[in-house]
Amino acid sequence: MSYTRPRELFGAALLAAVLLYGVVQLSYGSLPPLPVAAGGVLLVVAIVDAVLAIVLRPRAKHRSGSEPLDPMMATRIVALAKASSLVGALMGGAWASMLLYLLAEVRVFGSDTIASIVGLISAAALVGGGLWLEWAMRNPDEPQEDDDDEAER
């Protein structure tokens, strides 16, 4: 399994933004108002990722005085970290497209705009939390990835 690359996340965010912008342009009038808490859920997951990174990093690094981490548990946590960063990127693109649409339509002070800003900030926090958790779970015995692997592709 390779580490998450920023270009993968950027591509996912861009794809989500383009697709959702088209959907929003066609059907914004029929959408219900966006609740502010809709984006806040992502922030809760980002906080969980950050707490896991803080708690599990010593165990993943085999520091003295800490119990070693079970390999299956470590694999599951890395999968959570990768999924968190990808979902954060997708939702960030979605919230960014909604915000762009609202700003283009001069609906700046509506509740949908506030919900979009909260969602965008929460999505960015989720990307950061997922990447941090993935970084915290790196095995110290594992060789570092280098740019030669990328040049061969």
Protein backbone atom coordinates (compact mmCIF):
# COMPACT_ATOMS: atom_id res chain seq x y z
CA MET A 1 0.00 0.00 0.00
CA SER A 2 1.42 3.38 -0.94
CA TYR A 3 1.12 6.61 0.98
CA THR A 4 -1.57 9.07 0.02
CA ARG A 5 -0.31 11.64 -2.46
CA PRO A 6 -1.56 15.22 -2.49
CA ARG A 7 -2.31 15.05 -6.22
CA GLU A 8 -4.71 12.15 -5.62
CA LEU A 9 -6.60 14.18 -3.05
CA PHE A 10 -6.58 17.27 -5.24
CA GLY A 11 -7.92 15.24 -8.18
CA ALA A 12 -10.72 13.79 -6.06
CA ALA A 13 -11.65 17.25 -4.74
CA LEU A 14 -11.65 18.72 -8.24
CA LEU A 15 -13.79 15.90 -9.60
CA ALA A 16 -16.32 16.27 -6.79
CA ALA A 17 -16.38 20.05 -7.20
CA VAL A 18 -17.04 19.91 -10.94
CA LEU A 19 -19.73 17.24 -10.68
CA LEU A 20 -21.55 18.85 -7.78
CA TYR A 21 -21.39 22.33 -9.28
CA GLY A 22 -23.31 21.06 -12.29
CA VAL A 23 -25.90 19.37 -10.09
CA VAL A 24 -26.30 22.47 -7.92
CA GLN A 25 -26.74 24.72 -10.94
CA LEU A 26 -29.55 22.53 -12.20
CA SER A 27 -31.39 21.90 -8.94
CA TYR A 28 -30.46 24.44 -6.25
CA GLY A 29 -34.01 25.80 -6.06
CA SER A 30 -35.44 22.40 -5.16
CA LEU A 31 -32.86 21.60 -2.46
CA PRO A 32 -33.82 21.99 1.20
CA PRO A 33 -31.80 24.44 3.32
CA LEU A 34 -28.45 23.06 4.39
CA PRO A 35 -28.06 22.53 8.14
CA VAL A 36 -24.87 23.94 9.64
CA ALA A 37 -24.28 20.66 11.47
CA ALA A 38 -24.03 18.78 8.15
CA GLY A 39 -20.42 19.83 7.71
CA GLY A 40 -19.66 19.63 11.40
CA VAL A 41 -19.88 15.83 11.34
CA LEU A 42 -16.65 15.78 9.35
CA LEU A 43 -14.99 17.75 12.13
CA VAL A 44 -15.91 15.06 14.65
CA VAL A 45 -14.22 12.40 12.51
CA ALA A 46 -11.18 14.67 12.08
CA ILE A 47 -10.89 14.98 15.86
CA VAL A 48 -11.11 11.20 16.23
CA ASP A 49 -8.31 10.82 13.65
CA ALA A 50 -6.15 13.35 15.50
CA VAL A 51 -6.69 11.66 18.86
CA LEU A 52 -5.84 8.27 17.35
CA ALA A 53 -2.65 9.73 15.87
CA ILE A 54 -1.57 11.12 19.23
CA VAL A 55 -2.41 7.96 21.17
CA LEU A 56 -1.11 5.38 18.71
CA ARG A 57 2.07 7.01 17.42
CA PRO A 58 4.27 5.76 20.32
CA ARG A 59 2.92 2.25 19.84
CA ALA A 60 3.50 2.33 16.08
CA LYS A 61 7.07 3.61 16.58
CA HIS A 62 7.85 0.81 19.08
CA ARG A 63 8.84 3.28 21.78
CA SER A 64 9.93 1.86 25.11
CA GLY A 65 7.21 1.62 27.69
CA SER A 66 4.44 1.24 25.13
CA GLU A 67 2.73 -1.94 24.08
CA PRO A 68 3.38 -2.87 20.41
CA LEU A 69 0.49 -2.37 18.05
CA ASP A 70 -1.17 -5.45 16.55
CA PRO A 71 -0.44 -5.57 12.78
CA MET A 72 -4.12 -6.10 11.88
CA MET A 73 -5.13 -3.15 14.03
CA ALA A 74 -2.45 -1.01 12.40
CA THR A 75 -3.72 -2.01 8.96
CA ARG A 76 -7.26 -1.05 9.89
CA ILE A 77 -6.14 2.29 11.26
CA VAL A 78 -4.15 3.07 8.10
CA ALA A 79 -7.24 2.18 6.04
CA LEU A 80 -9.27 4.58 8.21
CA ALA A 81 -6.64 7.27 7.70
CA LYS A 82 -6.62 6.86 3.91
CA ALA A 83 -10.43 6.80 3.78
CA SER A 84 -10.63 9.90 5.98
CA SER A 85 -8.32 11.93 3.77
CA LEU A 86 -10.14 10.81 0.61
CA VAL A 87 -13.61 11.53 2.02
CA GLY A 88 -12.34 14.88 3.29
CA ALA A 89 -11.07 15.75 -0.18
CA LEU A 90 -14.32 14.70 -1.86
CA MET A 91 -16.46 16.59 0.63
CA GLY A 92 -14.13 19.57 0.48
CA GLY A 93 -14.67 19.73 -3.26
CA ALA A 94 -18.41 19.40 -2.78
CA TRP A 95 -18.59 22.14 -0.14
CA ALA A 96 -16.28 24.38 -2.19
CA SER A 97 -18.51 24.05 -5.25
CA MET A 98 -21.59 24.87 -3.17
CA LEU A 99 -19.86 27.92 -1.73
CA LEU A 100 -18.70 29.03 -5.17
CA TYR A 101 -22.23 28.72 -6.51
CA LEU A 102 -23.65 30.72 -3.60
CA LEU A 103 -21.04 33.46 -4.00
CA ALA A 104 -21.68 33.60 -7.74
CA GLU A 105 -25.42 33.96 -7.11
CA VAL A 106 -24.83 36.73 -4.51
CA ARG A 107 -26.43 34.72 -1.72
CA VAL A 108 -23.53 35.48 0.57
CA PHE A 109 -25.36 35.94 3.84
CA GLY A 110 -27.72 32.97 3.70
CA SER A 111 -27.64 30.02 6.03
CA ASP A 112 -26.46 27.83 3.16
CA THR A 113 -23.32 29.94 2.89
CA ILE A 114 -22.53 29.49 6.58
CA ALA A 115 -23.15 25.74 6.27
CA SER A 116 -20.84 25.62 3.23
CA ILE A 117 -18.05 27.44 5.07
CA VAL A 118 -18.37 25.15 8.10
CA GLY A 119 -18.38 22.13 5.79
CA LEU A 120 -15.32 23.33 3.88
CA ILE A 121 -13.34 23.97 7.06
CA SER A 122 -14.40 20.60 8.50
CA ALA A 123 -13.44 18.81 5.28
CA ALA A 124 -10.00 20.45 5.34
CA ALA A 125 -9.59 19.34 8.96
CA LEU A 126 -10.58 15.79 7.97
CA VAL A 127 -7.96 15.72 5.20
CA GLY A 128 -5.36 16.96 7.67
CA GLY A 129 -6.43 14.50 10.36
CA GLY A 130 -6.37 11.58 7.94
CA LEU A 131 -2.93 12.48 6.59
CA TRP A 132 -1.59 12.98 10.11
CA LEU A 133 -2.96 9.61 11.23
CA GLU A 134 -1.43 7.94 8.19
CA TRP A 135 1.92 9.60 8.96
CA ALA A 136 1.70 8.55 12.62
CA MET A 137 1.16 4.92 11.65
CA ARG A 138 4.28 4.62 9.48
CA ASN A 139 6.38 1.67 10.48
CA PRO A 140 9.88 2.67 11.58
CA ASP A 141 11.33 -0.53 10.06
CA GLU A 142 9.79 0.18 6.67
CA PRO A 143 12.03 1.71 3.98
CA GLN A 144 11.13 5.25 3.00
CA GLU A 145 9.37 5.74 -0.34
CA ASP A 146 11.50 7.62 -2.79
CA ASP A 147 10.91 9.37 -6.08
CA ASP A 148 12.50 6.50 -8.07
CA ASP A 149 9.31 4.45 -7.68
CA GLU A 150 7.32 7.29 -9.18
CA ALA A 151 9.75 7.80 -12.07
CA GLU A 152 9.36 4.14 -13.14
CA ARG A 153 5.60 4.55 -13.65
